[in-house]
Amino acid sequence: MLRARQIGVDSRHRLIFIESVDSWCAATGAAMRLFGRIEPVAVVVCTANGSYALDMDANPANLDQLRKSVPELDDTLTA
């Protein structure tokens, strides 16, 4: 699952992380173990001139594809 999380705002920029979130559990005898992982996938930079996305290697990422994959990204971009 992917999610959007705003990480920073100043007078010129807004930064939004796109993160992959996974969780799972395992039962071992009488114990239950819960595991989770949050991994950054991309960062979206919003400026007065528009928005663009970069992957974690600082290469351009497809913002339209991210919008399709992360439904709440549109709300975060317009907030």
N, C-alpha and C. Protein backbone atom coordinates (compact mmCIF):
# COMPACT_ATOMS: atom_id res chain seq x y z
N MET A 1 0.84 -1.16 0.00
CA MET A 1 0.00 0.00 0.00
C MET A 1 0.89 1.24 0.00
N LEU A 2 0.50 2.24 -0.77
CA LEU A 2 1.21 3.50 -0.79
C LEU A 2 0.39 4.56 -0.08
N ARG A 3 1.08 5.49 0.58
CA ARG A 3 0.40 6.60 1.23
C ARG A 3 1.20 7.88 1.01
N ALA A 4 0.51 9.02 1.15
CA ALA A 4 1.14 10.33 1.04
C ALA A 4 1.21 10.95 2.43
N ARG A 5 2.35 11.56 2.73
CA ARG A 5 2.53 12.21 4.03
C ARG A 5 3.30 13.51 3.82
N GLN A 6 2.69 14.62 4.19
CA GLN A 6 3.37 15.90 4.08
C GLN A 6 4.46 15.98 5.13
N ILE A 7 5.68 16.35 4.69
CA ILE A 7 6.80 16.37 5.63
C ILE A 7 7.37 17.75 5.89
N GLY A 8 7.04 18.71 5.05
CA GLY A 8 7.60 20.03 5.27
C GLY A 8 6.91 21.09 4.45
N VAL A 9 6.81 22.28 5.02
CA VAL A 9 6.21 23.42 4.35
C VAL A 9 7.01 24.65 4.71
N ASP A 10 7.31 25.48 3.72
CA ASP A 10 7.83 26.81 4.00
C ASP A 10 7.15 27.78 3.04
N SER A 11 7.64 28.98 2.93
CA SER A 11 6.95 29.99 2.12
C SER A 11 7.02 29.70 0.62
N ARG A 12 7.96 28.85 0.18
CA ARG A 12 8.12 28.59 -1.25
C ARG A 12 7.84 27.15 -1.67
N HIS A 13 7.93 26.19 -0.74
CA HIS A 13 7.83 24.79 -1.10
C HIS A 13 6.95 24.02 -0.13
N ARG A 14 6.40 22.94 -0.63
CA ARG A 14 5.75 21.95 0.22
C ARG A 14 6.29 20.60 -0.23
N LEU A 15 6.72 19.77 0.72
CA LEU A 15 7.28 18.45 0.41
C LEU A 15 6.34 17.37 0.91
N ILE A 16 6.09 16.39 0.04
CA ILE A 16 5.21 15.28 0.37
C ILE A 16 5.95 13.99 0.09
N PHE A 17 6.08 13.14 1.09
CA PHE A 17 6.66 11.81 0.90
C PHE A 17 5.59 10.86 0.39
N ILE A 18 5.96 10.02 -0.55
CA ILE A 18 5.15 8.88 -0.94
C ILE A 18 5.84 7.67 -0.33
N GLU A 19 5.12 6.94 0.51
CA GLU A 19 5.71 5.84 1.27
C GLU A 19 4.99 4.53 0.98
N SER A 20 5.75 3.46 0.95
CA SER A 20 5.20 2.11 0.89
C SER A 20 5.06 1.63 2.32
N VAL A 21 3.86 1.15 2.66
CA VAL A 21 3.58 0.70 4.03
C VAL A 21 3.13 -0.75 3.98
N ASP A 22 3.83 -1.60 4.72
CA ASP A 22 3.49 -3.02 4.81
C ASP A 22 3.39 -3.42 6.27
N SER A 23 2.48 -4.32 6.57
CA SER A 23 2.41 -4.89 7.92
C SER A 23 1.97 -6.34 7.79
N TRP A 24 2.42 -7.14 8.74
CA TRP A 24 2.07 -8.55 8.77
C TRP A 24 2.24 -9.07 10.18
N CYS A 25 1.66 -10.23 10.44
CA CYS A 25 1.78 -10.82 11.76
C CYS A 25 2.09 -12.30 11.61
N ALA A 26 2.65 -12.86 12.67
CA ALA A 26 2.99 -14.28 12.69
C ALA A 26 2.68 -14.84 14.07
N ALA A 27 2.01 -15.95 14.09
CA ALA A 27 1.71 -16.62 15.36
C ALA A 27 2.74 -17.73 15.56
N THR A 28 3.36 -17.70 16.74
CA THR A 28 4.34 -18.73 17.09
C THR A 28 3.97 -19.27 18.46
N GLY A 29 3.33 -20.42 18.49
CA GLY A 29 2.90 -20.98 19.78
C GLY A 29 1.87 -20.08 20.42
N ALA A 30 2.16 -19.61 21.62
CA ALA A 30 1.23 -18.76 22.36
C ALA A 30 1.48 -17.27 22.10
N ALA A 31 2.45 -16.94 21.26
CA ALA A 31 2.79 -15.54 21.02
C ALA A 31 2.32 -15.09 19.64
N MET A 32 2.02 -13.82 19.54
CA MET A 32 1.69 -13.20 18.27
C MET A 32 2.70 -12.09 18.03
N ARG A 33 3.34 -12.11 16.88
CA ARG A 33 4.33 -11.09 16.55
C ARG A 33 3.78 -10.22 15.43
N LEU A 34 3.91 -8.93 15.60
CA LEU A 34 3.47 -7.97 14.61
C LEU A 34 4.68 -7.29 14.01
N PHE A 35 4.68 -7.15 12.70
CA PHE A 35 5.79 -6.54 12.00
C PHE A 35 5.27 -5.44 11.09
N GLY A 36 6.09 -4.46 10.84
CA GLY A 36 5.71 -3.39 9.93
C GLY A 36 6.93 -2.78 9.27
N ARG A 37 6.68 -2.16 8.11
CA ARG A 37 7.78 -1.51 7.38
C ARG A 37 7.21 -0.31 6.65
N ILE A 38 7.88 0.81 6.77
CA ILE A 38 7.56 2.02 6.02
C ILE A 38 8.81 2.38 5.24
N GLU A 39 8.66 2.50 3.93
CA GLU A 39 9.81 2.75 3.06
C GLU A 39 9.48 3.90 2.10
N PRO A 40 10.33 4.92 2.03
CA PRO A 40 10.06 6.02 1.09
C PRO A 40 10.19 5.53 -0.35
N VAL A 41 9.29 6.03 -1.19
CA VAL A 41 9.28 5.65 -2.61
C VAL A 41 9.61 6.86 -3.48
N ALA A 42 9.04 8.01 -3.12
CA ALA A 42 9.23 9.23 -3.92
C ALA A 42 8.96 10.44 -3.03
N VAL A 43 9.37 11.59 -3.53
CA VAL A 43 9.04 12.85 -2.86
C VAL A 43 8.40 13.76 -3.91
N VAL A 44 7.32 14.42 -3.52
CA VAL A 44 6.64 15.37 -4.40
C VAL A 44 6.97 16.76 -3.89
N VAL A 45 7.43 17.62 -4.79
CA VAL A 45 7.78 18.99 -4.46
C VAL A 45 6.74 19.90 -5.09
N CYS A 46 6.09 20.70 -4.26
CA CYS A 46 5.07 21.64 -4.73
C CYS A 46 5.62 23.05 -4.61
N THR A 47 5.54 23.81 -5.69
CA THR A 47 5.97 25.20 -5.71
C THR A 47 4.86 26.04 -6.32
N ALA A 48 5.05 27.33 -6.36
CA ALA A 48 4.07 28.22 -6.98
C ALA A 48 3.95 27.94 -8.48
N ASN A 49 4.99 27.39 -9.08
CA ASN A 49 4.99 27.11 -10.52
C ASN A 49 4.47 25.74 -10.88
N GLY A 50 4.11 24.92 -9.89
CA GLY A 50 3.61 23.58 -10.17
C GLY A 50 4.21 22.55 -9.23
N SER A 51 3.94 21.31 -9.54
CA SER A 51 4.42 20.19 -8.71
C SER A 51 5.19 19.21 -9.58
N TYR A 52 6.18 18.57 -8.98
CA TYR A 52 6.91 17.52 -9.67
C TYR A 52 7.33 16.47 -8.64
N ALA A 53 7.65 15.28 -9.15
CA ALA A 53 8.01 14.17 -8.27
C ALA A 53 9.40 13.66 -8.62
N LEU A 54 10.08 13.21 -7.58
CA LEU A 54 11.41 12.60 -7.73
C LEU A 54 11.40 11.25 -7.02
N ASP A 55 12.06 10.25 -7.64
CA ASP A 55 12.20 8.98 -6.93
C ASP A 55 13.33 9.11 -5.92
N MET A 56 13.62 8.05 -5.21
CA MET A 56 14.61 8.14 -4.13
C MET A 56 16.05 8.23 -4.62
N ASP A 57 16.25 8.13 -5.93
CA ASP A 57 17.57 8.37 -6.53
C ASP A 57 17.65 9.76 -7.17
N ALA A 58 16.65 10.61 -6.88
CA ALA A 58 16.55 11.98 -7.39
C ALA A 58 16.31 12.04 -8.89
N ASN A 59 15.76 10.98 -9.46
CA ASN A 59 15.37 10.98 -10.87
C ASN A 59 13.90 11.39 -10.96
N PRO A 60 13.50 12.02 -12.06
CA PRO A 60 12.09 12.39 -12.20
C PRO A 60 11.18 11.15 -12.12
N ALA A 61 10.09 11.31 -11.40
CA ALA A 61 9.08 10.25 -11.29
C ALA A 61 7.80 10.76 -11.93
N ASN A 62 6.95 9.84 -12.34
CA ASN A 62 5.70 10.18 -13.02
C ASN A 62 4.66 10.59 -11.99
N LEU A 63 4.38 11.88 -11.90
CA LEU A 63 3.43 12.39 -10.92
C LEU A 63 2.01 11.88 -11.20
N ASP A 64 1.64 11.78 -12.48
CA ASP A 64 0.31 11.28 -12.81
C ASP A 64 0.12 9.84 -12.33
N GLN A 65 1.15 9.02 -12.50
CA GLN A 65 1.07 7.63 -12.03
C GLN A 65 0.97 7.58 -10.50
N LEU A 66 1.71 8.43 -9.82
CA LEU A 66 1.62 8.48 -8.36
C LEU A 66 0.21 8.91 -7.92
N ARG A 67 -0.39 9.84 -8.63
CA ARG A 67 -1.75 10.27 -8.28
C ARG A 67 -2.75 9.13 -8.43
N LYS A 68 -2.55 8.28 -9.43
CA LYS A 68 -3.42 7.13 -9.61
C LYS A 68 -3.19 6.07 -8.52
N SER A 69 -1.94 5.91 -8.10
CA SER A 69 -1.59 4.88 -7.11
C SER A 69 -1.89 5.30 -5.68
N VAL A 70 -1.93 6.60 -5.42
CA VAL A 70 -2.13 7.13 -4.06
C VAL A 70 -3.33 8.08 -4.09
N PRO A 71 -4.53 7.56 -3.85
CA PRO A 71 -5.73 8.40 -3.98
C PRO A 71 -5.72 9.67 -3.15
N GLU A 72 -5.16 9.64 -1.94
CA GLU A 72 -5.18 10.84 -1.09
C GLU A 72 -4.16 11.89 -1.52
N LEU A 73 -3.32 11.58 -2.51
CA LEU A 73 -2.32 12.55 -2.96
C LEU A 73 -2.99 13.78 -3.54
N ASP A 74 -4.08 13.63 -4.27
CA ASP A 74 -4.77 14.81 -4.82
C ASP A 74 -5.22 15.75 -3.73
N ASP A 75 -5.77 15.20 -2.64
CA ASP A 75 -6.20 16.05 -1.52
C ASP A 75 -5.01 16.74 -0.88
N THR A 76 -3.90 16.04 -0.75
CA THR A 76 -2.70 16.62 -0.14
C THR A 76 -2.12 17.71 -1.02
N LEU A 77 -2.18 17.53 -2.34
CA LEU A 77 -1.65 18.54 -3.26
C LEU A 77 -2.47 19.82 -3.23
N THR A 78 -3.77 19.71 -3.02
CA THR A 78 -4.63 20.88 -3.05
C THR A 78 -4.82 21.53 -1.68
N ALA A 79 -4.31 20.89 -0.63
CA ALA A 79 -4.49 21.44 0.73
C ALA A 79 -3.63 22.65 0.95
